[in-house]
Amino acid sequence: MYRNILVPVDDSVASMEAVEQAIDLARALGSRIKLVHVINRTPWTALGVEPASMEEFVVQIHAASESMLQRIEKEVRASGVDADAKLIEAFGERVGELVVAEATSWPADLIMCGTHGRRGVRRLLMGGDAEHILRHSPVPVLFIPACNL
């Protein structure tokens, strides 16, 4: 049924809760998990970061992102679930667009997303990636709220 579970991660409480739930589901179904993290360079250029310092910043962000993905992938594998991880760098695309594209190309049978539950102006300011994923996903989407909400 859900053999391939895609889990976008950003090391937030919400995404880590989604990882834990995905592990439980994958164990029960014999599924595998693909972790995806998106680095979006658009906000950095909007802040007027100089090219030289921007490249240094990008190297630091890549290293931190790779480290986070490796740590989470190791945790998933330690639980007995087959896992892969992918770092995607974006420039102009929304995170939600890239998650949907990855779900299509992998191919995922289910997307499990942590959600912060933002509403109103906060959602407008912070973006609506979860909503974009829900509206455009070619597969079922399961939202997992952060447990501290």
C-alpha atoms as a PDB file:
ATOM      1  CA  MET A   1       0.000   0.000   0.000  1.00  0.00           C
ATOM      2  CA  TYR A   2       2.397   2.732   1.218  1.00  0.00           C
ATOM      3  CA  ARG A   3       5.756   1.213   0.270  1.00  0.00           C
ATOM      4  CA  ASN A   4       7.575   4.533  -0.287  1.00  0.00           C
ATOM      5  CA  ILE A   5       7.045   7.268   2.303  1.00  0.00           C
ATOM      6  CA  LEU A   6       8.467  10.725   1.584  1.00  0.00           C
ATOM      7  CA  VAL A   7       9.150  12.908   4.628  1.00  0.00           C
ATOM      8  CA  PRO A   8      10.246  16.536   4.181  1.00  0.00           C
ATOM      9  CA  VAL A   9      12.434  17.549   7.136  1.00  0.00           C
ATOM     10  CA  ASP A  10      13.764  20.805   8.514  1.00  0.00           C
ATOM     11  CA  ASP A  11      14.775  19.689  12.046  1.00  0.00           C
ATOM     12  CA  SER A  12      11.761  21.448  13.586  1.00  0.00           C
ATOM     13  CA  VAL A  13       9.634  19.818  16.270  1.00  0.00           C
ATOM     14  CA  ALA A  14       6.896  19.319  13.667  1.00  0.00           C
ATOM     15  CA  SER A  15       9.115  17.588  11.108  1.00  0.00           C
ATOM     16  CA  MET A  16      10.738  15.383  13.741  1.00  0.00           C
ATOM     17  CA  GLU A  17       7.294  14.297  14.903  1.00  0.00           C
ATOM     18  CA  ALA A  18       6.514  13.382  11.266  1.00  0.00           C
ATOM     19  CA  VAL A  19       9.731  11.329  11.114  1.00  0.00           C
ATOM     20  CA  GLU A  20       8.763   9.419  14.263  1.00  0.00           C
ATOM     21  CA  GLN A  21       5.281   8.704  12.895  1.00  0.00           C
ATOM     22  CA  ALA A  22       6.734   7.689   9.515  1.00  0.00           C
ATOM     23  CA  ILE A  23       9.076   5.237  11.243  1.00  0.00           C
ATOM     24  CA  ASP A  24       6.146   3.634  13.061  1.00  0.00           C
ATOM     25  CA  LEU A  25       4.109   3.347   9.857  1.00  0.00           C
ATOM     26  CA  ALA A  26       7.072   2.095   7.811  1.00  0.00           C
ATOM     27  CA  ARG A  27       7.834  -0.573  10.405  1.00  0.00           C
ATOM     28  CA  ALA A  28       4.216  -1.747  10.402  1.00  0.00           C
ATOM     29  CA  LEU A  29       3.973  -1.849   6.601  1.00  0.00           C
ATOM     30  CA  GLY A  30       7.519  -2.844   5.659  1.00  0.00           C
ATOM     31  CA  SER A  31       7.967   0.469   3.845  1.00  0.00           C
ATOM     32  CA  ARG A  32      11.020   2.582   3.186  1.00  0.00           C
ATOM     33  CA  ILE A  33      11.446   6.279   3.913  1.00  0.00           C
ATOM     34  CA  LYS A  34      13.019   9.043   1.897  1.00  0.00           C
ATOM     35  CA  LEU A  35      13.959  12.157   3.808  1.00  0.00           C
ATOM     36  CA  VAL A  36      14.076  15.405   1.849  1.00  0.00           C
ATOM     37  CA  HIS A  37      15.455  18.753   2.951  1.00  0.00           C
ATOM     38  CA  VAL A  38      15.246  21.876   0.785  1.00  0.00           C
ATOM     39  CA  ILE A  39      17.700  24.745   0.988  1.00  0.00           C
ATOM     40  CA  ASN A  40      16.067  27.826  -0.496  1.00  0.00           C
ATOM     41  CA  ARG A  41      18.557  30.518  -1.542  1.00  0.00           C
ATOM     42  CA  THR A  42      15.911  33.099  -2.497  1.00  0.00           C
ATOM     43  CA  PRO A  43      15.588  34.794   0.935  1.00  0.00           C
ATOM     44  CA  TRP A  44      19.362  35.179   1.198  1.00  0.00           C
ATOM     45  CA  THR A  45      19.606  37.137  -2.035  1.00  0.00           C
ATOM     46  CA  ALA A  46      16.656  39.282  -0.986  1.00  0.00           C
ATOM     47  CA  LEU A  47      18.601  40.280   2.120  1.00  0.00           C
ATOM     48  CA  GLY A  48      21.394  41.712  -0.050  1.00  0.00           C
ATOM     49  CA  VAL A  49      24.050  39.225   0.983  1.00  0.00           C
ATOM     50  CA  GLU A  50      27.294  39.932  -0.864  1.00  0.00           C
ATOM     51  CA  PRO A  51      28.360  37.198  -3.339  1.00  0.00           C
ATOM     52  CA  ALA A  52      31.572  36.284  -1.465  1.00  0.00           C
ATOM     53  CA  SER A  53      29.885  36.062   1.922  1.00  0.00           C
ATOM     54  CA  MET A  54      26.889  34.373   0.342  1.00  0.00           C
ATOM     55  CA  GLU A  55      29.043  31.525  -0.963  1.00  0.00           C
ATOM     56  CA  GLU A  56      30.547  31.043   2.490  1.00  0.00           C
ATOM     57  CA  PHE A  57      27.057  31.074   3.970  1.00  0.00           C
ATOM     58  CA  VAL A  58      25.866  28.511   1.404  1.00  0.00           C
ATOM     59  CA  VAL A  59      28.775  26.209   2.304  1.00  0.00           C
ATOM     60  CA  GLN A  60      27.837  26.468   5.998  1.00  0.00           C
ATOM     61  CA  ILE A  61      24.143  25.837   5.298  1.00  0.00           C
ATOM     62  CA  HIS A  62      24.996  22.838   3.085  1.00  0.00           C
ATOM     63  CA  ALA A  63      27.224  21.361   5.788  1.00  0.00           C
ATOM     64  CA  ALA A  64      24.578  21.852   8.493  1.00  0.00           C
ATOM     65  CA  SER A  65      21.851  20.443   6.244  1.00  0.00           C
ATOM     66  CA  GLU A  66      23.910  17.396   5.255  1.00  0.00           C
ATOM     67  CA  SER A  67      24.736  16.766   8.905  1.00  0.00           C
ATOM     68  CA  MET A  68      21.064  17.006   9.887  1.00  0.00           C
ATOM     69  CA  LEU A  69      19.989  14.649   7.085  1.00  0.00           C
ATOM     70  CA  GLN A  70      22.690  12.119   7.952  1.00  0.00           C
ATOM     71  CA  ARG A  71      21.702  12.211  11.637  1.00  0.00           C
ATOM     72  CA  ILE A  72      18.005  11.689  10.882  1.00  0.00           C
ATOM     73  CA  GLU A  73      18.723   8.992   8.277  1.00  0.00           C
ATOM     74  CA  LYS A  74      20.901   7.179  10.823  1.00  0.00           C
ATOM     75  CA  GLU A  75      18.053   7.347  13.390  1.00  0.00           C
ATOM     76  CA  VAL A  76      15.582   5.919  10.860  1.00  0.00           C
ATOM     77  CA  ARG A  77      17.939   3.108   9.882  1.00  0.00           C
ATOM     78  CA  ALA A  78      18.666   2.347  13.555  1.00  0.00           C
ATOM     79  CA  SER A  79      14.931   1.757  14.004  1.00  0.00           C
ATOM     80  CA  GLY A  80      15.091  -0.990  11.379  1.00  0.00           C
ATOM     81  CA  VAL A  81      13.594   0.985   8.493  1.00  0.00           C
ATOM     82  CA  ASP A  82      15.299   1.351   5.102  1.00  0.00           C
ATOM     83  CA  ALA A  83      15.975   5.034   4.434  1.00  0.00           C
ATOM     84  CA  ASP A  84      17.558   7.435   1.979  1.00  0.00           C
ATOM     85  CA  ALA A  85      18.066  11.173   2.212  1.00  0.00           C
ATOM     86  CA  LYS A  86      18.239  13.921  -0.378  1.00  0.00           C
ATOM     87  CA  LEU A  87      19.296  17.548  -0.124  1.00  0.00           C
ATOM     88  CA  ILE A  88      17.707  19.842  -2.704  1.00  0.00           C
ATOM     89  CA  GLU A  89      18.886  23.388  -3.371  1.00  0.00           C
ATOM     90  CA  ALA A  90      16.251  25.779  -4.663  1.00  0.00           C
ATOM     91  CA  PHE A  91      16.429  29.224  -6.148  1.00  0.00           C
ATOM     92  CA  GLY A  92      13.008  30.736  -6.602  1.00  0.00           C
ATOM     93  CA  GLU A  93      10.930  27.575  -6.313  1.00  0.00           C
ATOM     94  CA  ARG A  94       8.740  27.026  -3.294  1.00  0.00           C
ATOM     95  CA  VAL A  95       9.648  24.200  -0.952  1.00  0.00           C
ATOM     96  CA  GLY A  96       6.212  22.678  -1.526  1.00  0.00           C
ATOM     97  CA  GLU A  97       6.774  22.581  -5.301  1.00  0.00           C
ATOM     98  CA  LEU A  98      10.039  20.708  -4.859  1.00  0.00           C
ATOM     99  CA  VAL A  99       8.535  18.232  -2.394  1.00  0.00           C
ATOM    100  CA  VAL A 100       5.727  17.453  -4.850  1.00  0.00           C
ATOM    101  CA  ALA A 101       8.255  17.046  -7.685  1.00  0.00           C
ATOM    102  CA  GLU A 102      10.336  14.668  -5.559  1.00  0.00           C
ATOM    103  CA  ALA A 103       7.234  12.673  -4.620  1.00  0.00           C
ATOM    104  CA  THR A 104       6.493  12.238  -8.317  1.00  0.00           C
ATOM    105  CA  SER A 105      10.017  11.336  -9.419  1.00  0.00           C
ATOM    106  CA  TRP A 106      10.954   8.999  -6.543  1.00  0.00           C
ATOM    107  CA  PRO A 107       7.991   7.669  -6.681  1.00  0.00           C
ATOM    108  CA  ALA A 108       6.350   8.148  -3.278  1.00  0.00           C
ATOM    109  CA  ASP A 109       3.119   6.440  -2.261  1.00  0.00           C
ATOM    110  CA  LEU A 110       2.586   8.797   0.695  1.00  0.00           C
ATOM    111  CA  ILE A 111       3.943  12.125   1.898  1.00  0.00           C
ATOM    112  CA  MET A 112       4.116  12.634   5.662  1.00  0.00           C
ATOM    113  CA  CYS A 113       4.636  16.265   6.625  1.00  0.00           C
ATOM    114  CA  GLY A 114       5.088  17.866   9.972  1.00  0.00           C
ATOM    115  CA  THR A 115       2.988  20.992  10.263  1.00  0.00           C
ATOM    116  CA  HIS A 116       3.273  24.021  12.488  1.00  0.00           C
ATOM    117  CA  GLY A 117      -0.434  24.787  12.190  1.00  0.00           C
ATOM    118  CA  ARG A 118       0.050  28.426  11.238  1.00  0.00           C
ATOM    119  CA  ARG A 119      -3.048  30.415  10.422  1.00  0.00           C
ATOM    120  CA  GLY A 120      -3.906  33.859   9.124  1.00  0.00           C
ATOM    121  CA  VAL A 121      -1.152  36.443   8.742  1.00  0.00           C
ATOM    122  CA  ARG A 122       1.566  34.118  10.096  1.00  0.00           C
ATOM    123  CA  ARG A 123       0.750  31.636   7.314  1.00  0.00           C
ATOM    124  CA  LEU A 124       0.854  34.392   4.708  1.00  0.00           C
ATOM    125  CA  LEU A 125       4.214  35.656   5.969  1.00  0.00           C
ATOM    126  CA  MET A 126       5.793  32.233   6.519  1.00  0.00           C
ATOM    127  CA  GLY A 127       4.421  30.637   3.359  1.00  0.00           C
ATOM    128  CA  GLY A 128       1.971  27.849   2.743  1.00  0.00           C
ATOM    129  CA  ASP A 129       4.171  24.915   1.756  1.00  0.00           C
ATOM    130  CA  ALA A 130       1.985  22.368   3.531  1.00  0.00           C
ATOM    131  CA  GLU A 131      -1.076  23.668   1.737  1.00  0.00           C
ATOM    132  CA  HIS A 132       0.760  23.607  -1.603  1.00  0.00           C
ATOM    133  CA  ILE A 133       1.792  19.992  -1.011  1.00  0.00           C
ATOM    134  CA  LEU A 134      -1.765  19.036  -0.106  1.00  0.00           C
ATOM    135  CA  ARG A 135      -3.273  20.719  -3.178  1.00  0.00           C
ATOM    136  CA  HIS A 136      -0.730  19.470  -5.716  1.00  0.00           C
ATOM    137  CA  SER A 137       0.468  16.107  -4.448  1.00  0.00           C
ATOM    138  CA  PRO A 138      -0.031  13.145  -6.772  1.00  0.00           C
ATOM    139  CA  VAL A 139      -0.264  10.868  -3.699  1.00  0.00           C
ATOM    140  CA  PRO A 140      -2.022  10.955  -0.306  1.00  0.00           C
ATOM    141  CA  VAL A 141      -0.631  13.422   2.238  1.00  0.00           C
ATOM    142  CA  LEU A 142      -0.660  12.899   5.981  1.00  0.00           C
ATOM    143  CA  PHE A 143      -0.024  15.967   8.151  1.00  0.00           C
ATOM    144  CA  ILE A 144       1.477  15.413  11.581  1.00  0.00           C
ATOM    145  CA  PRO A 145       1.099  18.359  13.980  1.00  0.00           C
ATOM    146  CA  ALA A 146       3.918  19.303  16.312  1.00  0.00           C
ATOM    147  CA  CYS A 147       3.112  17.805  19.699  1.00  0.00           C
ATOM    148  CA  ASN A 148       3.686  21.102  21.510  1.00  0.00           C
ATOM    149  CA  LEU A 149       0.935  22.978  19.664  1.00  0.00           C
END
